[in-house]
Amino acid sequence: IAQGGLTKRTLWGVAALLLLLLAGKLLGIRAPNPLRIAEFIPFVVALMAYESLKHMHATALTVWLGIQPKDSLMMAADNAVFGKTPYLWFAQWGLDRPGFITIMSAFYSLYYVAPIAAMGWFTIAEDVAQLRLIRRGLLIGLYGGYCSYVLIPVAGPLSVPGLVKPLFFEQMTGFQFLMDNFRYAFDCFPSLHTAIPWLLVLLCWNKLPRWLMAVAIICSLGVTVSTVALRFHYGVDVLAGLAWAWTAATLARLSSPAHTANRRSTGEQNSFWPEEKQLAASTRIPLRGFSYGRSRIDIASNLSCPIPPRDFGRSQRPHA
């Protein structure tokens, strides 16, 4: 696990959560119930499993399945959809200079902070339903992306040499170390750096203050652009990431307990067939009661029964 950088990522995530809680304390926000913080435990365990699978087993699965990298297919798809792969536009426009690339790198790193920030916000707000919805959506998004990584291995534009001059950080000593320890070789299709931020935007829609939602949208746009500007993804990777964000958000909402309970209650209200509704309405008759021998049985006056009406109003005695 340490080989894949999982330990460091987990520690950074825990540190971000602690900083968020400390900021809430300093701002006078009431600390959340410790049981609410325990809602993070399933997510942390699932995240550890995801990182372990991605960094330690995904390549072996791809090789075992005999699937070849699809970079040439992605490049052809970019040419068909965009005319050329979009990162060439940035080089053409002069947006491959150190200043712009540094800004894009800052946006790119928000991918690792956004899920913790979103879950931390609703933990402090004690909105358990929304917290669990975000947790479910993140797990669907991450594990669905993992399956696509294994079945559609794409290394990304950085693996294609000679088209444009290298970016400045590619020549830095630590770059190769980060690529070897913090990135799976074929984690490009779909772009989860695109999918996860937009997934959070979709799940948090109308749940955050307007100013915070505006910040989330701007950050998501920045992360999306950075995936192409830094040459980590093809254009079709980004399109697939947007589609996967919508799909994961839909699956998360449809599988939520609140949605299931709503469907169940709606089904109970509409449980009659139309003809049964008419029959129930037509058989609602007032019953005065009937006598049997010396005893009298009274029946509720507005009873609905699913059988044809019968006249029980007369007193009847059995023949001797």
Protein backbone atom coordinates (compact mmCIF):
# COMPACT_ATOMS: atom_id res chain seq x y z
CA ILE A 1 0.00 0.00 0.00
CA ALA A 2 2.80 2.40 0.87
CA GLN A 3 4.31 1.69 -2.54
CA GLY A 4 1.27 3.25 -4.18
CA GLY A 5 1.39 6.37 -2.03
CA LEU A 6 -1.79 5.34 -0.20
CA THR A 7 -0.45 6.05 3.28
CA LYS A 8 0.52 9.62 2.38
CA ARG A 9 -2.82 10.28 0.67
CA THR A 10 -4.77 8.99 3.65
CA LEU A 11 -2.72 11.13 6.05
CA TRP A 12 -3.25 14.21 3.88
CA GLY A 13 -6.99 13.53 3.82
CA VAL A 14 -7.16 13.16 7.60
CA ALA A 15 -5.10 16.34 8.00
CA ALA A 16 -7.50 18.22 5.71
CA LEU A 17 -10.47 17.03 7.78
CA LEU A 18 -8.81 18.11 11.03
CA LEU A 19 -8.02 21.53 9.55
CA LEU A 20 -11.63 21.90 8.44
CA LEU A 21 -12.91 21.03 11.91
CA LEU A 22 -10.38 23.45 13.47
CA ALA A 23 -11.52 26.22 11.12
CA GLY A 24 -15.13 25.56 12.12
CA LYS A 25 -14.14 25.78 15.77
CA LEU A 26 -12.35 29.09 15.28
CA LEU A 27 -15.34 30.48 13.36
CA GLY A 28 -17.65 29.54 16.21
CA ILE A 29 -19.40 26.70 14.37
CA ARG A 30 -20.71 24.05 16.73
CA ALA A 31 -18.63 20.88 16.64
CA PRO A 32 -20.43 17.90 15.06
CA ASN A 33 -21.48 14.82 16.93
CA PRO A 34 -18.58 12.31 17.07
CA LEU A 35 -20.96 9.72 15.66
CA ARG A 36 -21.28 11.88 12.55
CA ILE A 37 -17.51 11.86 12.10
CA ALA A 38 -17.73 8.06 12.21
CA GLU A 39 -19.60 8.32 8.89
CA PHE A 40 -16.17 8.86 7.33
CA ILE A 41 -14.93 5.41 8.36
CA PRO A 42 -16.67 3.41 5.57
CA PHE A 43 -15.44 5.93 3.01
CA VAL A 44 -11.83 5.79 4.26
CA VAL A 45 -11.86 1.97 4.22
CA ALA A 46 -13.35 1.90 0.71
CA LEU A 47 -10.84 4.52 -0.46
CA MET A 48 -7.95 2.43 0.87
CA ALA A 49 -9.28 -0.58 -1.01
CA TYR A 50 -9.70 1.48 -4.17
CA GLU A 51 -6.16 2.85 -4.05
CA SER A 52 -4.76 -0.60 -3.31
CA LEU A 53 -6.62 -2.15 -6.24
CA LYS A 54 -5.63 0.66 -8.60
CA HIS A 55 -1.93 0.84 -7.80
CA MET A 56 -1.17 -2.79 -7.03
CA HIS A 57 -3.50 -4.89 -9.17
CA ALA A 58 -4.96 -2.89 -12.06
CA THR A 59 -1.95 -3.35 -14.35
CA ALA A 60 -1.84 -7.07 -13.62
CA LEU A 61 -5.55 -7.40 -14.44
CA THR A 62 -5.13 -5.52 -17.71
CA VAL A 63 -2.17 -7.68 -18.72
CA TRP A 64 -3.98 -10.87 -17.69
CA LEU A 65 -6.98 -9.88 -19.82
CA GLY A 66 -4.66 -9.22 -22.75
CA ILE A 67 -5.98 -5.69 -23.33
CA GLN A 68 -3.60 -3.36 -25.17
CA PRO A 69 -3.37 0.40 -24.43
CA LYS A 70 -5.90 2.47 -26.38
CA ASP A 71 -3.94 5.73 -26.74
CA SER A 72 -3.89 5.58 -30.52
CA LEU A 73 -7.68 5.14 -30.50
CA MET A 74 -8.11 8.12 -28.16
CA MET A 75 -5.87 10.29 -30.33
CA ALA A 76 -7.93 9.34 -33.38
CA ALA A 77 -11.13 10.13 -31.49
CA ASP A 78 -9.76 13.54 -30.51
CA ASN A 79 -8.90 14.29 -34.13
CA ALA A 80 -12.40 13.25 -35.21
CA VAL A 81 -14.24 15.25 -32.53
CA PHE A 82 -12.01 18.31 -32.03
CA GLY A 83 -9.89 18.43 -35.17
CA LYS A 84 -6.79 17.70 -33.09
CA THR A 85 -6.10 16.66 -29.54
CA PRO A 86 -6.99 19.70 -27.38
CA TYR A 87 -3.69 19.99 -25.47
CA LEU A 88 -2.06 21.04 -28.76
CA TRP A 89 -4.23 24.16 -28.65
CA PHE A 90 -2.61 25.25 -25.38
CA ALA A 91 0.84 24.92 -26.94
CA GLN A 92 -0.38 26.83 -30.01
CA TRP A 93 -1.80 29.64 -27.85
CA GLY A 94 1.36 29.89 -25.74
CA LEU A 95 -0.37 28.51 -22.63
CA ASP A 96 2.42 26.08 -21.84
CA ARG A 97 4.51 28.60 -19.94
CA PRO A 98 5.52 28.04 -16.29
CA GLY A 99 3.15 30.65 -14.82
CA PHE A 100 -0.01 29.25 -16.41
CA ILE A 101 1.03 25.67 -15.80
CA THR A 102 1.60 26.44 -12.11
CA ILE A 103 -1.96 27.80 -11.84
CA MET A 104 -3.29 24.72 -13.60
CA SER A 105 -1.33 22.48 -11.22
CA ALA A 106 -2.99 24.21 -8.27
CA PHE A 107 -6.43 23.55 -9.76
CA TYR A 108 -5.48 19.95 -10.53
CA SER A 109 -4.61 19.32 -6.87
CA LEU A 110 -8.11 20.41 -5.76
CA TYR A 111 -9.33 17.00 -6.90
CA TYR A 112 -7.88 15.48 -3.72
CA VAL A 113 -9.34 18.15 -1.43
CA ALA A 114 -12.87 18.50 -2.82
CA PRO A 115 -14.37 15.20 -1.51
CA ILE A 116 -13.06 15.78 2.03
CA ALA A 117 -14.26 19.39 1.95
CA ALA A 118 -17.76 18.40 0.79
CA MET A 119 -18.14 15.63 3.35
CA GLY A 120 -16.69 17.84 6.08
CA TRP A 121 -19.15 20.63 5.30
CA PHE A 122 -22.21 18.41 5.70
CA THR A 123 -20.66 16.74 8.76
CA ILE A 124 -20.47 20.14 10.47
CA ALA A 125 -23.98 20.95 9.23
CA GLU A 126 -25.13 17.54 10.60
CA ASP A 127 -26.95 16.76 7.36
CA VAL A 128 -26.52 13.00 7.55
CA ALA A 129 -28.66 12.19 4.52
CA GLN A 130 -26.64 14.50 2.26
CA LEU A 131 -23.36 13.25 3.72
CA ARG A 132 -24.30 9.66 2.93
CA LEU A 133 -25.49 10.63 -0.54
CA ILE A 134 -22.10 12.21 -1.30
CA ARG A 135 -20.28 9.21 0.14
CA ARG A 136 -22.33 6.83 -2.01
CA GLY A 137 -21.78 8.93 -5.13
CA LEU A 138 -18.02 9.10 -4.59
CA LEU A 139 -17.73 5.34 -4.18
CA ILE A 140 -19.81 4.72 -7.30
CA GLY A 141 -17.69 7.21 -9.23
CA LEU A 142 -14.34 5.86 -8.08
CA TYR A 143 -15.05 2.15 -8.45
CA GLY A 144 -16.83 2.63 -11.77
CA GLY A 145 -13.81 4.54 -13.02
CA TYR A 146 -11.53 1.75 -11.81
CA CYS A 147 -13.42 -0.82 -13.87
CA SER A 148 -13.04 1.39 -16.92
CA TYR A 149 -9.30 1.79 -16.27
CA VAL A 150 -8.88 -1.97 -16.34
CA LEU A 151 -11.02 -2.56 -19.43
CA ILE A 152 -9.99 0.55 -21.40
CA PRO A 153 -6.34 1.25 -20.50
CA VAL A 154 -5.20 4.71 -21.63
CA ALA A 155 -1.86 6.21 -20.58
CA GLY A 156 -2.58 9.78 -21.66
CA PRO A 157 -0.82 12.37 -23.86
CA LEU A 158 2.29 12.40 -21.67
CA SER A 159 3.05 8.94 -23.04
CA VAL A 160 3.11 10.28 -26.63
CA PRO A 161 6.55 11.84 -27.22
CA GLY A 162 7.61 14.35 -29.83
CA LEU A 163 4.38 16.25 -30.59
CA VAL A 164 5.24 19.33 -28.52
CA LYS A 165 8.07 20.37 -26.24
CA PRO A 166 7.89 18.97 -22.69
CA LEU A 167 6.34 21.07 -19.95
CA PHE A 168 8.75 22.51 -17.42
CA PHE A 169 7.72 20.18 -14.58
CA GLU A 170 8.42 17.11 -16.70
CA GLN A 171 12.10 17.95 -16.38
CA MET A 172 12.00 18.26 -12.59
CA THR A 173 13.67 15.56 -10.49
CA GLY A 174 10.60 14.73 -8.43
CA PHE A 175 8.18 14.46 -11.34
CA GLN A 176 9.07 10.91 -12.27
CA PHE A 177 8.93 9.90 -8.61
CA LEU A 178 5.39 11.27 -8.33
CA MET A 179 4.33 9.57 -11.55
CA ASP A 180 5.73 6.24 -10.37
CA ASN A 181 4.24 6.37 -6.87
CA PHE A 182 1.04 8.40 -7.08
CA ARG A 183 -0.41 7.52 -10.47
CA TYR A 184 -1.53 4.30 -12.08
CA ALA A 185 -0.14 4.04 -15.61
CA PHE A 186 -3.52 3.76 -17.39
CA ASP A 187 -5.90 5.93 -15.33
CA CYS A 188 -7.20 8.23 -18.06
CA PHE A 189 -10.53 6.99 -19.42
CA PRO A 190 -12.76 8.39 -18.09
CA SER A 191 -11.11 11.41 -16.47
CA LEU A 192 -12.02 11.09 -12.80
CA HIS A 193 -10.37 14.45 -12.22
CA THR A 194 -13.23 15.75 -14.35
CA ALA A 195 -15.94 13.40 -13.06
CA ILE A 196 -15.51 13.71 -9.29
CA PRO A 197 -15.68 17.54 -8.99
CA TRP A 198 -18.73 17.73 -11.26
CA LEU A 199 -20.29 14.79 -9.42
CA LEU A 200 -20.01 16.80 -6.19
CA VAL A 201 -21.55 19.83 -7.90
CA LEU A 202 -24.52 17.75 -9.07
CA LEU A 203 -25.07 16.12 -5.68
CA CYS A 204 -24.72 19.40 -3.77
CA TRP A 205 -26.99 21.42 -6.05
CA ASN A 206 -29.39 23.56 -3.95
CA LYS A 207 -27.72 22.24 -0.81
CA LEU A 208 -24.98 24.87 -0.46
CA PRO A 209 -25.02 28.67 -0.17
CA ARG A 210 -24.93 30.37 -3.55
CA TRP A 211 -21.46 31.80 -3.05
CA LEU A 212 -20.07 28.39 -2.13
CA MET A 213 -21.79 26.74 -5.09
CA ALA A 214 -20.24 29.38 -7.36
CA VAL A 215 -16.82 28.58 -5.91
CA ALA A 216 -17.43 24.86 -6.48
CA ILE A 217 -18.36 25.45 -10.14
CA ILE A 218 -15.32 27.66 -10.77
CA CYS A 219 -13.01 25.10 -9.15
CA SER A 220 -14.59 22.29 -11.18
CA LEU A 221 -14.04 24.25 -14.38
CA GLY A 222 -10.44 24.87 -13.39
CA VAL A 223 -9.80 21.20 -12.64
CA THR A 224 -11.39 20.17 -15.95
CA VAL A 225 -9.22 22.58 -17.95
CA SER A 226 -6.11 21.53 -16.03
CA THR A 227 -6.50 17.90 -17.04
CA VAL A 228 -5.93 18.91 -20.68
CA ALA A 229 -3.50 21.77 -20.07
CA LEU A 230 -1.19 19.51 -18.06
CA ARG A 231 -1.46 16.82 -20.78
CA PHE A 232 -2.78 14.15 -18.45
CA HIS A 233 -5.93 13.53 -20.51
CA TYR A 234 -7.26 13.53 -24.04
CA GLY A 235 -10.36 15.51 -24.92
CA VAL A 236 -12.52 12.39 -25.12
CA ASP A 237 -11.37 11.46 -21.61
CA VAL A 238 -12.90 14.71 -20.39
CA LEU A 239 -16.16 14.10 -22.26
CA ALA A 240 -16.34 10.61 -20.79
CA GLY A 241 -15.67 12.08 -17.34
CA LEU A 242 -18.60 14.51 -17.68
CA ALA A 243 -20.89 11.68 -18.79
CA TRP A 244 -19.73 9.49 -15.91
CA ALA A 245 -20.33 12.31 -13.40
CA TRP A 246 -23.98 12.54 -14.49
CA THR A 247 -24.35 8.74 -14.47
CA ALA A 248 -22.80 8.33 -11.02
CA ALA A 249 -24.95 11.14 -9.58
CA THR A 250 -28.08 9.51 -11.01
CA LEU A 251 -27.14 6.09 -9.63
CA ALA A 252 -26.36 7.58 -6.23
CA ARG A 253 -29.75 9.27 -6.01
CA LEU A 254 -31.69 6.25 -7.29
CA SER A 255 -29.98 3.94 -4.78
CA SER A 256 -30.44 6.25 -1.80
CA PRO A 257 -32.71 5.02 1.03
CA ALA A 258 -34.79 8.21 0.76
CA HIS A 259 -35.55 7.54 -2.91
CA THR A 260 -36.36 3.88 -2.19
CA ALA A 261 -38.72 4.84 0.65
CA ASN A 262 -40.43 7.42 -1.56
CA ARG A 263 -40.99 4.86 -4.30
CA ARG A 264 -42.37 2.38 -1.77
CA SER A 265 -44.83 4.90 -0.34
CA THR A 266 -45.89 5.98 -3.82
CA GLY A 267 -46.42 2.35 -4.78
CA GLU A 268 -48.63 1.78 -1.75
CA GLN A 269 -50.78 4.78 -2.63
CA ASN A 270 -51.20 3.52 -6.21
CA SER A 271 -51.51 -0.16 -5.38
CA PHE A 272 -55.08 -0.55 -6.83
CA TRP A 273 -55.70 -1.22 -10.47
CA PRO A 274 -58.10 1.32 -12.06
CA GLU A 275 -60.97 -1.15 -12.16
CA GLU A 276 -60.39 -2.01 -8.51
CA LYS A 277 -60.65 1.68 -7.63
CA GLN A 278 -64.06 1.86 -9.36
CA LEU A 279 -65.24 -1.29 -7.62
CA ALA A 280 -64.14 -0.02 -4.22
CA ALA A 281 -66.01 3.26 -4.80
CA SER A 282 -69.19 1.52 -6.04
CA THR A 283 -69.39 -0.89 -3.11
CA ARG A 284 -69.20 1.75 -0.41
CA ILE A 285 -72.74 1.31 1.02
CA PRO A 286 -74.28 2.11 4.37
CA LEU A 287 -75.05 -0.98 6.42
CA ARG A 288 -77.47 -0.71 9.30
CA GLY A 289 -76.85 -4.15 10.77
CA PHE A 290 -78.74 -7.38 10.97
CA SER A 291 -80.21 -9.67 13.62
CA TYR A 292 -79.59 -13.35 14.05
CA GLY A 293 -81.78 -14.98 16.62
CA ARG A 294 -81.84 -12.79 19.72
CA SER A 295 -78.47 -11.13 19.00
CA ARG A 296 -77.87 -8.08 16.83
CA ILE A 297 -74.66 -7.37 14.92
CA ASP A 298 -73.94 -3.71 14.01
CA ILE A 299 -71.66 -2.95 11.06
CA ALA A 300 -69.84 0.36 10.50
CA SER A 301 -71.96 2.59 8.37
CA ASN A 302 -69.35 3.56 5.80
CA LEU A 303 -67.54 0.28 5.31
CA SER A 304 -65.90 -0.38 1.93
CA CYS A 305 -65.99 -3.99 0.81
CA PRO A 306 -64.70 -5.49 -2.44
CA ILE A 307 -67.81 -7.67 -2.93
CA PRO A 308 -71.17 -6.75 -4.55
CA PRO A 309 -73.59 -5.07 -2.15
CA ARG A 310 -76.14 -7.25 -0.39
CA ASP A 311 -79.14 -6.28 1.64
CA PHE A 312 -78.41 -7.08 5.27
CA GLY A 313 -80.94 -4.56 6.53
CA ARG A 314 -83.82 -6.97 7.28
CA SER A 315 -84.04 -9.08 10.37
CA GLN A 316 -83.96 -12.73 9.51
CA ARG A 317 -84.72 -15.76 11.64
CA PRO A 318 -83.73 -19.30 10.76
CA HIS A 319 -86.53 -21.72 10.07
CA ALA A 320 -87.18 -24.13 12.90
